[in-house]
Structures are given as structure tokens and as C-alpha cells.
Amino acid sequence: MNQVNIDEKYKVLPFYVFFLIHGMQTGLGALSFQRELAKFAGTDGWISILLAGLLIHILIWLMYKIFKMVPGDIISANDYAFGKWVGNFFSLLFILYFFVLGTTIIVGYIRVIHVWMFDDVPSWALASVFLILIYSINTGGFRTVTGITFLTVLVSYWLLFFPFYTIKYSDFTGLLPMFDHSILDILKGTKSISLTLLGFEMLLMYYPFIKDAETSQKYAHGGVITTTILALLVYFVSIAFYPLKLLTLTLWPTLTMTSIIELPFIQRFEYITISWWAVIIIPNMVIPLWAASRGIKRVFNVKQKYPLWIMSIIIILINIFFYDGDILYIVNKIINPYSVGFIVLYLPILLVVMKTKKKLKRS
């Protein structure tokens, strides 16, 4: 079995799992999740958010069950369940997913910058700036990644004041009628918000870097609860602020709401929001590429900096040869719809295979 042994000096305390999960879930999707959710579930979107949160709690519980049987990461679990070759195949699928997720976040944020601020700055130039930062953080080790995530979460919560600012312009009768949508519509909404809440699955790679990792489960669930409450708050405010039809047509509802904020010394407050959002999504960029490069290191036994170089070059080439809107459309239509389903189906199957194999060994 592909074992993983991490020196204690490279591990982080269990409570940091709260920030790693919450910081990863709160990112680019928070700018636009209301649009898709309103299309499917409308005023009952809050039910979809709660169902998505419940689903993620179940998946995290499954992860800890898996790692209780095989302490390590997803590479170790795949190797134990399916053997070296088949296990490595599934591990490569996870590595590809981590890379695609990180690339999508980088390209998506660059698109926001183009539309709202600097449309004449080349995508590859912006991507290069982000990739230099990502490389510097990742080569500092997982403790550095954790520290950056911890700081970005702490310094970003001042942005919560803007939902309260919009209350005076809101009509809360827009929250009605409730329980007016079919179960199928609510489930479609659950799928759309689940894509926004992705990021918890990075635990599959950084679990070995947690001290007394089995005690960190409560912090993992706490991170998901916090993200769910935050999503509920933003969605309720959005439903009250926008007419429902307008909400389904607004590409970035959160940013558009901030554009109404007026301060004596700031004319365009959304510029502040977009600029500060770069701080918020740093973990969203760093952690997936760390997970992907860590996975390649584990599978192919190479230094982690080499896959980071290769992935950075690929991302720059994508930004040179593909318009950011085009590549986002491809990812959203082809890859993203299957990512949630893959994780939801794979983790229970993996646990069943591992339990079966363990029983067979005992017998």
C-alpha cells in the first residue's frame, strides 16, 4: 500500500481544518450562486442550500470513516481498495479534478476583473501574477498554505456589512411564497449550490498533515455549517433585494448589490469588493493546485515543485489561447456537472470496497 508518513513539524492543529474548509468553500461561487439557484428553486432556494449542506456533512463523515480504516490520503485509500494500478487510475482522476478546479477559479476571477475593471489587461499577465503568488505559497509547505488560509478568512469578514446595508432597499415580501416548488426543482437547486460549496473534498489530500486528525472532524463540520449559514444569509438578502426574474438574469448578483453602496470617500465600492475578493479566493487558487501537485508527487515520486511548474505553464497557455469566457463555458458545461456526482458516488463505493476487503482479509 502507498503509505504516507508526515513529520510532526509539518502538521497543523486540528482546529485549522475549520478555516481550510470554510476558506475553500467561500470564494468565486459566492459572487454568482444566487443566479442558478433562483432559476431552479426560486423562493425555496434556502431548502436547496440546507440539503446541499446536509449532503456535504454526510460526505465528510464518509471521509473520516475511510481514513479511520486507512490513515493517509486518497492515494493510500485508492491503493488499499483497488491495488496499485487501478488505484492510481482513480487517484489520477482526483488529481485532474483538483487541477481543473484550481484553473477554473483562476480563469473565473480573471473574467470578473476583465468585465468590471481592466478589460484591456491580457489574461496571461493576470494569470502570471496569481501563479507566482500560488507557487510561492505552495513551495512554503502546507503550514504556509494553512496560515494564508487562516489569515484570509479572518480579514475578509468585514465584507458581511454589505448585506445589511442593502436591507433598507429590500422588499422581504419577495421571500414569498415558500414551499412553492416541486421536489425536482429543489433537487436541481441543490445540485447547483453543491458546485458552489465544493472545496471540502481537499481534505482527501491534506488529512495526513493534521495532528490527531481524527479529532478534527468537528471542525470540518463546523466549517461547513458556517459556510451554509453564510450562503443562506446572502441568498435571503438577494431574494429580497432583486425581483426574482431579474435575479435569474444577473450574472454576478453579489457584486451588483455592492455597487449601490455609497460612501463619501468612495465612488465605486464594487471596485473595493472585487479587489478584496482577490484576498478571499487565494485559498481557492492555492489549495487545489497544492492538492494536485501533492497527488502527482505521491503517485510518481517526484518533487512537488515540478508539477507546480508544469501546471502553471498549462494555465498560462490556456489564458493565451482561450478567451476566459470560452474556457469557463466548456468547464461549466462538461466537467463541473459531473464533479459533484463523481464525489457523491465514489466515496460510498470506496468505503464499501474497503470494508469488504478488510472482512475478506480477516476471514
Protein backbone atom coordinates (compact mmCIF):
# COMPACT_ATOMS: atom_id res chain seq x y z
CA MET A 1 0.00 0.00 0.00
CA ASN A 2 1.17 3.53 -0.85
CA GLN A 3 1.80 4.73 2.70
CA VAL A 4 2.29 8.38 3.66
CA ASN A 5 4.30 9.48 6.68
CA ILE A 6 4.42 13.16 7.60
CA ASP A 7 6.85 14.56 10.16
CA GLU A 8 5.07 16.20 13.10
CA LYS A 9 6.77 19.53 12.43
CA TYR A 10 4.92 19.81 9.11
CA LYS A 11 1.47 19.18 10.61
CA VAL A 12 -1.14 21.72 11.71
CA LEU A 13 -3.51 21.73 14.67
CA PRO A 14 -6.97 20.18 14.18
CA PHE A 15 -8.94 23.45 14.55
CA TYR A 16 -7.31 24.79 11.35
CA VAL A 17 -9.49 22.35 9.42
CA PHE A 18 -12.38 24.75 10.09
CA PHE A 19 -10.57 27.51 8.18
CA LEU A 20 -9.27 25.20 5.45
CA ILE A 21 -12.78 24.00 4.60
CA HIS A 22 -14.65 27.26 5.16
CA GLY A 23 -12.00 29.29 3.31
CA MET A 24 -12.06 26.90 0.36
CA GLN A 25 -15.86 26.93 0.11
CA THR A 26 -16.18 30.73 0.31
CA GLY A 27 -14.80 32.02 -2.95
CA LEU A 28 -15.71 32.76 -6.53
CA GLY A 29 -19.04 30.94 -6.32
CA ALA A 30 -20.28 33.37 -3.65
CA LEU A 31 -20.42 36.08 -6.30
CA SER A 32 -22.92 34.29 -8.53
CA PHE A 33 -24.53 31.21 -6.92
CA GLN A 34 -27.86 33.03 -6.41
CA ARG A 35 -28.49 33.21 -10.16
CA GLU A 36 -28.57 29.49 -10.90
CA LEU A 37 -30.25 28.68 -7.62
CA ALA A 38 -33.05 31.19 -8.29
CA LYS A 39 -33.62 29.69 -11.73
CA PHE A 40 -34.38 26.27 -10.30
CA ALA A 41 -35.74 26.79 -6.79
CA GLY A 42 -36.74 30.47 -6.61
CA THR A 43 -38.00 31.43 -3.15
CA ASP A 44 -37.40 27.86 -1.96
CA GLY A 45 -33.68 28.06 -2.71
CA TRP A 46 -32.97 28.08 1.02
CA ILE A 47 -34.19 24.47 1.15
CA SER A 48 -31.67 23.55 -1.56
CA ILE A 49 -28.90 25.22 0.45
CA LEU A 50 -29.80 23.22 3.56
CA LEU A 51 -29.95 19.96 1.58
CA ALA A 52 -26.57 20.67 -0.01
CA GLY A 53 -25.10 21.38 3.42
CA LEU A 54 -26.52 18.11 4.76
CA LEU A 55 -25.07 16.20 1.79
CA ILE A 56 -21.62 17.65 2.44
CA HIS A 57 -21.81 16.70 6.13
CA ILE A 58 -22.53 13.10 5.07
CA LEU A 59 -19.58 13.12 2.64
CA ILE A 60 -17.22 14.47 5.31
CA TRP A 61 -18.43 11.75 7.68
CA LEU A 62 -17.62 9.19 4.97
CA MET A 63 -14.13 10.66 4.54
CA TYR A 64 -13.34 10.26 8.21
CA LYS A 65 -14.69 6.69 8.12
CA ILE A 66 -12.36 5.94 5.20
CA PHE A 67 -9.32 7.42 6.92
CA LYS A 68 -10.14 5.64 10.15
CA MET A 69 -9.63 2.39 8.24
CA VAL A 70 -6.60 3.56 6.23
CA PRO A 71 -4.84 6.57 7.80
CA GLY A 72 -3.36 8.64 4.99
CA ASP A 73 -4.78 10.39 1.95
CA ILE A 74 -6.96 9.44 -1.02
CA ILE A 75 -3.91 7.95 -2.76
CA SER A 76 -3.43 5.49 0.11
CA ALA A 77 -7.15 4.67 0.25
CA ASN A 78 -7.35 4.01 -3.51
CA ASP A 79 -4.24 1.84 -3.38
CA TYR A 80 -5.64 -0.20 -0.48
CA ALA A 81 -9.06 -0.67 -2.08
CA PHE A 82 -8.15 -1.33 -5.72
CA GLY A 83 -4.45 -2.15 -5.83
CA LYS A 84 -1.63 -0.13 -7.33
CA TRP A 85 -2.66 0.22 -10.99
CA VAL A 86 -6.42 0.64 -10.67
CA GLY A 87 -5.93 2.73 -7.53
CA ASN A 88 -3.52 5.04 -9.37
CA PHE A 89 -6.06 5.46 -12.16
CA PHE A 90 -8.68 6.76 -9.71
CA SER A 91 -6.02 8.87 -7.99
CA LEU A 92 -5.19 10.49 -11.33
CA LEU A 93 -8.88 11.34 -11.78
CA PHE A 94 -8.81 13.18 -8.44
CA ILE A 95 -5.57 14.94 -9.42
CA LEU A 96 -7.15 16.05 -12.70
CA TYR A 97 -10.21 17.28 -10.82
CA PHE A 98 -8.08 19.29 -8.36
CA PHE A 99 -6.17 20.88 -11.25
CA VAL A 100 -9.35 21.73 -13.19
CA LEU A 101 -10.94 23.25 -10.08
CA GLY A 102 -7.92 25.47 -9.42
CA THR A 103 -7.72 26.51 -13.07
CA THR A 104 -11.44 27.33 -13.18
CA ILE A 105 -11.14 29.62 -10.15
CA ILE A 106 -8.15 31.47 -11.62
CA VAL A 107 -9.78 31.93 -15.02
CA GLY A 108 -13.13 32.82 -13.45
CA TYR A 109 -11.68 35.57 -11.29
CA ILE A 110 -9.72 36.97 -14.25
CA ARG A 111 -13.02 37.16 -16.13
CA VAL A 112 -14.52 39.19 -13.26
CA ILE A 113 -11.55 41.59 -13.43
CA HIS A 114 -11.98 41.95 -17.19
CA VAL A 115 -15.69 42.67 -17.05
CA TRP A 116 -15.69 45.02 -14.06
CA MET A 117 -12.27 46.69 -14.01
CA PHE A 118 -9.48 46.14 -16.55
CA ASP A 119 -10.75 44.73 -19.82
CA ASP A 120 -7.55 45.57 -21.73
CA VAL A 121 -5.11 43.70 -19.45
CA PRO A 122 -4.13 40.36 -21.05
CA SER A 123 -5.41 37.26 -19.26
CA TRP A 124 -1.96 35.67 -19.28
CA ALA A 125 -0.47 38.67 -17.45
CA LEU A 126 -3.03 38.48 -14.65
CA ALA A 127 -2.66 34.69 -14.51
CA SER A 128 1.14 35.05 -14.22
CA VAL A 129 0.78 37.34 -11.19
CA PHE A 130 -1.54 34.88 -9.44
CA LEU A 131 0.63 31.87 -10.33
CA ILE A 132 3.78 33.47 -8.92
CA LEU A 133 1.91 34.03 -5.66
CA ILE A 134 0.48 30.49 -5.72
CA TYR A 135 3.89 28.96 -6.36
CA SER A 136 5.49 30.97 -3.55
CA ILE A 137 2.85 29.87 -1.05
CA ASN A 138 2.82 26.23 -2.10
CA THR A 139 6.59 25.84 -2.01
CA GLY A 140 6.48 27.11 1.57
CA GLY A 141 4.76 23.87 2.56
CA PHE A 142 1.34 23.02 3.88
CA ARG A 143 1.80 25.03 7.07
CA THR A 144 2.23 28.13 4.90
CA VAL A 145 -0.89 27.21 2.90
CA THR A 146 -2.82 26.84 6.16
CA GLY A 147 -1.52 30.11 7.57
CA ILE A 148 -2.52 32.06 4.46
CA THR A 149 -5.99 30.48 4.53
CA PHE A 150 -6.41 31.33 8.21
CA LEU A 151 -5.47 34.97 7.63
CA THR A 152 -7.65 35.43 4.53
CA VAL A 153 -10.71 34.14 6.37
CA LEU A 154 -10.11 36.45 9.34
CA VAL A 155 -9.51 39.63 7.32
CA SER A 156 -12.45 39.09 4.94
CA TYR A 157 -15.42 39.06 7.28
CA TRP A 158 -15.79 42.85 7.20
CA LEU A 159 -17.50 42.32 3.82
CA LEU A 160 -20.51 40.96 5.69
CA PHE A 161 -21.66 44.52 6.32
CA PHE A 162 -22.87 44.98 2.73
CA PRO A 163 -25.83 42.53 3.01
CA PHE A 164 -27.05 44.58 5.97
CA TYR A 165 -26.52 47.81 4.01
CA THR A 166 -28.90 46.59 1.28
CA ILE A 167 -31.70 45.79 3.76
CA LYS A 168 -33.13 49.32 3.53
CA TYR A 169 -33.56 48.82 -0.23
CA SER A 170 -35.06 45.34 0.11
CA ASP A 171 -38.61 44.05 -0.04
CA PHE A 172 -38.90 40.95 2.11
CA THR A 173 -42.25 40.02 0.62
CA GLY A 174 -40.04 38.76 -2.21
CA LEU A 175 -39.26 35.75 0.00
CA LEU A 176 -42.85 34.57 -0.53
CA PRO A 177 -44.41 32.24 -1.45
CA MET A 178 -42.45 29.49 0.25
CA PHE A 179 -42.82 25.75 -0.40
CA ASP A 180 -43.99 26.63 -3.90
CA HIS A 181 -41.61 24.42 -5.92
CA SER A 182 -41.52 20.73 -6.71
CA ILE A 183 -39.03 18.32 -5.16
CA LEU A 184 -37.32 18.01 -8.55
CA ASP A 185 -36.78 21.78 -8.75
CA ILE A 186 -35.37 21.84 -5.24
CA LEU A 187 -33.02 18.95 -6.06
CA LYS A 188 -31.82 20.80 -9.17
CA GLY A 189 -31.16 23.78 -6.95
CA THR A 190 -29.26 21.52 -4.55
CA LYS A 191 -27.03 20.41 -7.41
CA SER A 192 -26.31 23.99 -8.45
CA ILE A 193 -25.42 25.15 -4.92
CA SER A 194 -23.34 22.00 -4.35
CA LEU A 195 -20.99 23.20 -7.11
CA THR A 196 -20.58 26.45 -5.17
CA LEU A 197 -19.86 24.64 -1.90
CA LEU A 198 -17.15 22.42 -3.39
CA GLY A 199 -13.76 22.58 -1.73
CA PHE A 200 -14.36 20.37 1.31
CA GLU A 201 -13.01 17.41 -0.71
CA MET A 202 -9.46 18.86 -0.48
CA LEU A 203 -9.50 17.13 2.91
CA LEU A 204 -8.82 13.95 0.96
CA MET A 205 -5.27 15.17 0.32
CA TYR A 206 -4.32 17.20 3.40
CA TYR A 207 -5.72 14.80 6.03
CA PRO A 208 -2.21 13.39 6.85
CA PHE A 209 -1.00 16.94 7.61
CA ILE A 210 -3.38 17.31 10.57
CA LYS A 211 -2.22 16.49 14.10
CA ASP A 212 -4.53 13.96 15.76
CA ALA A 213 -6.53 14.10 12.54
CA GLU A 214 -9.42 12.01 13.83
CA THR A 215 -10.24 14.79 16.34
CA SER A 216 -10.60 17.38 13.58
CA GLN A 217 -13.96 16.09 12.33
CA LYS A 218 -15.99 18.51 14.47
CA TYR A 219 -14.04 21.42 12.99
CA ALA A 220 -14.68 20.14 9.47
CA HIS A 221 -18.42 20.04 10.15
CA GLY A 222 -18.19 23.47 11.79
CA GLY A 223 -16.64 24.92 8.64
CA VAL A 224 -19.48 23.53 6.51
CA ILE A 225 -22.12 24.87 8.94
CA THR A 226 -20.57 28.35 8.80
CA THR A 227 -20.48 28.32 5.00
CA THR A 228 -24.11 27.13 4.86
CA ILE A 229 -25.27 29.92 7.18
CA LEU A 230 -23.35 32.48 5.12
CA ALA A 231 -24.93 31.18 1.89
CA LEU A 232 -28.39 31.38 3.47
CA LEU A 233 -27.80 34.98 4.57
CA VAL A 234 -26.59 36.09 1.13
CA TYR A 235 -29.42 34.27 -0.64
CA PHE A 236 -32.16 35.70 1.58
CA VAL A 237 -30.80 39.22 1.07
CA SER A 238 -30.55 38.66 -2.71
CA ILE A 239 -34.12 37.37 -2.97
CA ALA A 240 -35.35 40.40 -1.01
CA PHE A 241 -33.24 42.88 -2.97
CA TYR A 242 -33.86 41.66 -6.54
CA PRO A 243 -37.11 40.82 -8.29
CA LEU A 244 -36.87 37.08 -8.89
CA LYS A 245 -36.82 37.42 -12.69
CA LEU A 246 -34.03 39.99 -12.52
CA LEU A 247 -32.02 37.79 -10.15
CA THR A 248 -32.04 34.94 -12.69
CA LEU A 249 -30.64 37.34 -15.32
CA THR A 250 -27.92 38.96 -13.19
CA LEU A 251 -24.53 37.34 -13.80
CA TRP A 252 -22.88 38.39 -10.51
CA PRO A 253 -25.66 39.34 -8.08
CA THR A 254 -23.34 39.84 -5.11
CA LEU A 255 -21.15 42.33 -6.96
CA THR A 256 -24.13 44.16 -8.40
CA MET A 257 -25.56 44.60 -4.89
CA THR A 258 -22.33 46.20 -3.68
CA SER A 259 -22.48 48.76 -6.49
CA ILE A 260 -25.34 50.57 -4.69
CA ILE A 261 -23.21 51.25 -1.60
CA GLU A 262 -22.42 54.96 -1.34
CA LEU A 263 -19.70 56.38 0.87
CA PRO A 264 -18.46 59.98 0.89
CA PHE A 265 -14.89 58.98 0.02
CA ILE A 266 -15.56 56.04 -2.38
CA GLN A 267 -17.45 56.43 -5.66
CA ARG A 268 -17.35 52.84 -6.93
CA PHE A 269 -17.49 50.50 -3.92
CA GLU A 270 -17.65 47.40 -6.15
CA TYR A 271 -14.02 48.09 -7.09
CA ILE A 272 -13.13 47.63 -3.43
CA THR A 273 -15.14 44.39 -3.32
CA ILE A 274 -13.52 42.94 -6.44
CA SER A 275 -10.02 43.87 -5.27
CA TRP A 276 -10.59 42.43 -1.81
CA TRP A 277 -12.08 39.30 -3.33
CA ALA A 278 -8.61 38.50 -4.60
CA VAL A 279 -7.67 38.01 -0.95
CA ILE A 280 -10.73 35.82 -0.32
CA ILE A 281 -10.06 33.46 -3.21
CA ILE A 282 -6.33 32.99 -2.60
CA PRO A 283 -7.07 29.70 -0.75
CA ASN A 284 -9.37 28.71 -3.63
CA MET A 285 -6.42 29.02 -6.00
CA VAL A 286 -3.67 27.70 -3.74
CA ILE A 287 -5.23 24.62 -2.12
CA PRO A 288 -6.46 22.81 -5.29
CA LEU A 289 -3.11 23.27 -7.05
CA TRP A 290 -1.31 22.17 -3.89
CA ALA A 291 -3.54 19.07 -3.78
CA ALA A 292 -2.94 18.32 -7.47
CA SER A 293 0.83 18.71 -7.22
CA ARG A 294 0.91 16.74 -3.96
CA GLY A 295 -1.04 13.96 -5.67
CA ILE A 296 1.44 13.83 -8.56
CA LYS A 297 4.29 13.72 -6.08
CA ARG A 298 2.67 10.76 -4.30
CA VAL A 299 1.84 8.81 -7.46
CA PHE A 300 5.03 9.42 -9.47
CA ASN A 301 7.51 10.09 -6.63
CA VAL A 302 8.75 13.46 -7.95
CA LYS A 303 9.44 16.74 -6.20
CA GLN A 304 6.29 18.79 -5.76
CA LYS A 305 7.72 21.90 -7.41
CA TYR A 306 7.98 20.20 -10.82
CA PRO A 307 4.26 19.51 -11.27
CA LEU A 308 3.60 23.05 -10.00
CA TRP A 309 5.78 24.40 -12.81
CA ILE A 310 4.01 22.27 -15.42
CA MET A 311 0.53 23.20 -14.17
CA SER A 312 1.45 26.90 -14.12
CA ILE A 313 2.63 26.73 -17.73
CA ILE A 314 -0.59 24.96 -18.78
CA ILE A 315 -2.73 27.60 -17.06
CA ILE A 316 -0.81 30.42 -18.76
CA LEU A 317 -1.20 28.70 -22.15
CA ILE A 318 -4.93 28.32 -21.52
CA ASN A 319 -5.16 32.05 -20.85
CA ILE A 320 -3.19 32.82 -24.02
CA PHE A 321 -5.06 30.60 -26.48
CA PHE A 322 -8.58 30.54 -24.98
CA TYR A 323 -10.76 33.51 -24.13
CA ASP A 324 -11.60 33.26 -20.43
CA GLY A 325 -15.35 33.17 -21.10
CA ASP A 326 -14.98 30.29 -23.57
CA ILE A 327 -12.95 28.07 -21.28
CA LEU A 328 -15.34 28.75 -18.39
CA TYR A 329 -18.29 27.73 -20.58
CA ILE A 330 -16.55 24.47 -21.51
CA VAL A 331 -15.72 23.65 -17.89
CA ASN A 332 -19.20 24.52 -16.60
CA LYS A 333 -20.98 22.52 -19.28
CA ILE A 334 -18.74 19.44 -19.47
CA ILE A 335 -16.72 18.95 -16.28
CA ASN A 336 -18.48 20.70 -13.37
CA PRO A 337 -21.86 18.92 -13.70
CA TYR A 338 -20.13 15.57 -13.18
CA SER A 339 -17.72 16.56 -10.38
CA VAL A 340 -20.34 16.54 -7.62
CA GLY A 341 -21.84 13.27 -8.87
CA PHE A 342 -18.42 11.65 -9.04
CA ILE A 343 -17.57 12.56 -5.44
CA VAL A 344 -21.05 11.67 -4.14
CA LEU A 345 -20.93 8.22 -5.76
CA TYR A 346 -17.25 7.43 -5.38
CA LEU A 347 -16.79 7.92 -1.64
CA PRO A 348 -19.56 5.47 -0.57
CA ILE A 349 -18.31 2.91 -3.12
CA LEU A 350 -14.74 3.32 -1.88
CA LEU A 351 -15.82 2.80 1.74
CA VAL A 352 -17.82 -0.32 0.85
CA VAL A 353 -14.90 -1.80 -1.12
CA MET A 354 -12.50 -1.11 1.74
CA LYS A 355 -14.81 -2.67 4.34
CA THR A 356 -15.37 -5.72 2.11
CA LYS A 357 -11.66 -6.16 1.53
CA LYS A 358 -10.94 -5.84 5.24
CA LYS A 359 -13.57 -8.51 6.07
CA LEU A 360 -12.13 -10.85 3.44
CA LYS A 361 -8.63 -10.43 4.87
CA ARG A 362 -9.92 -11.27 8.35
CA SER A 363 -11.74 -14.36 7.14
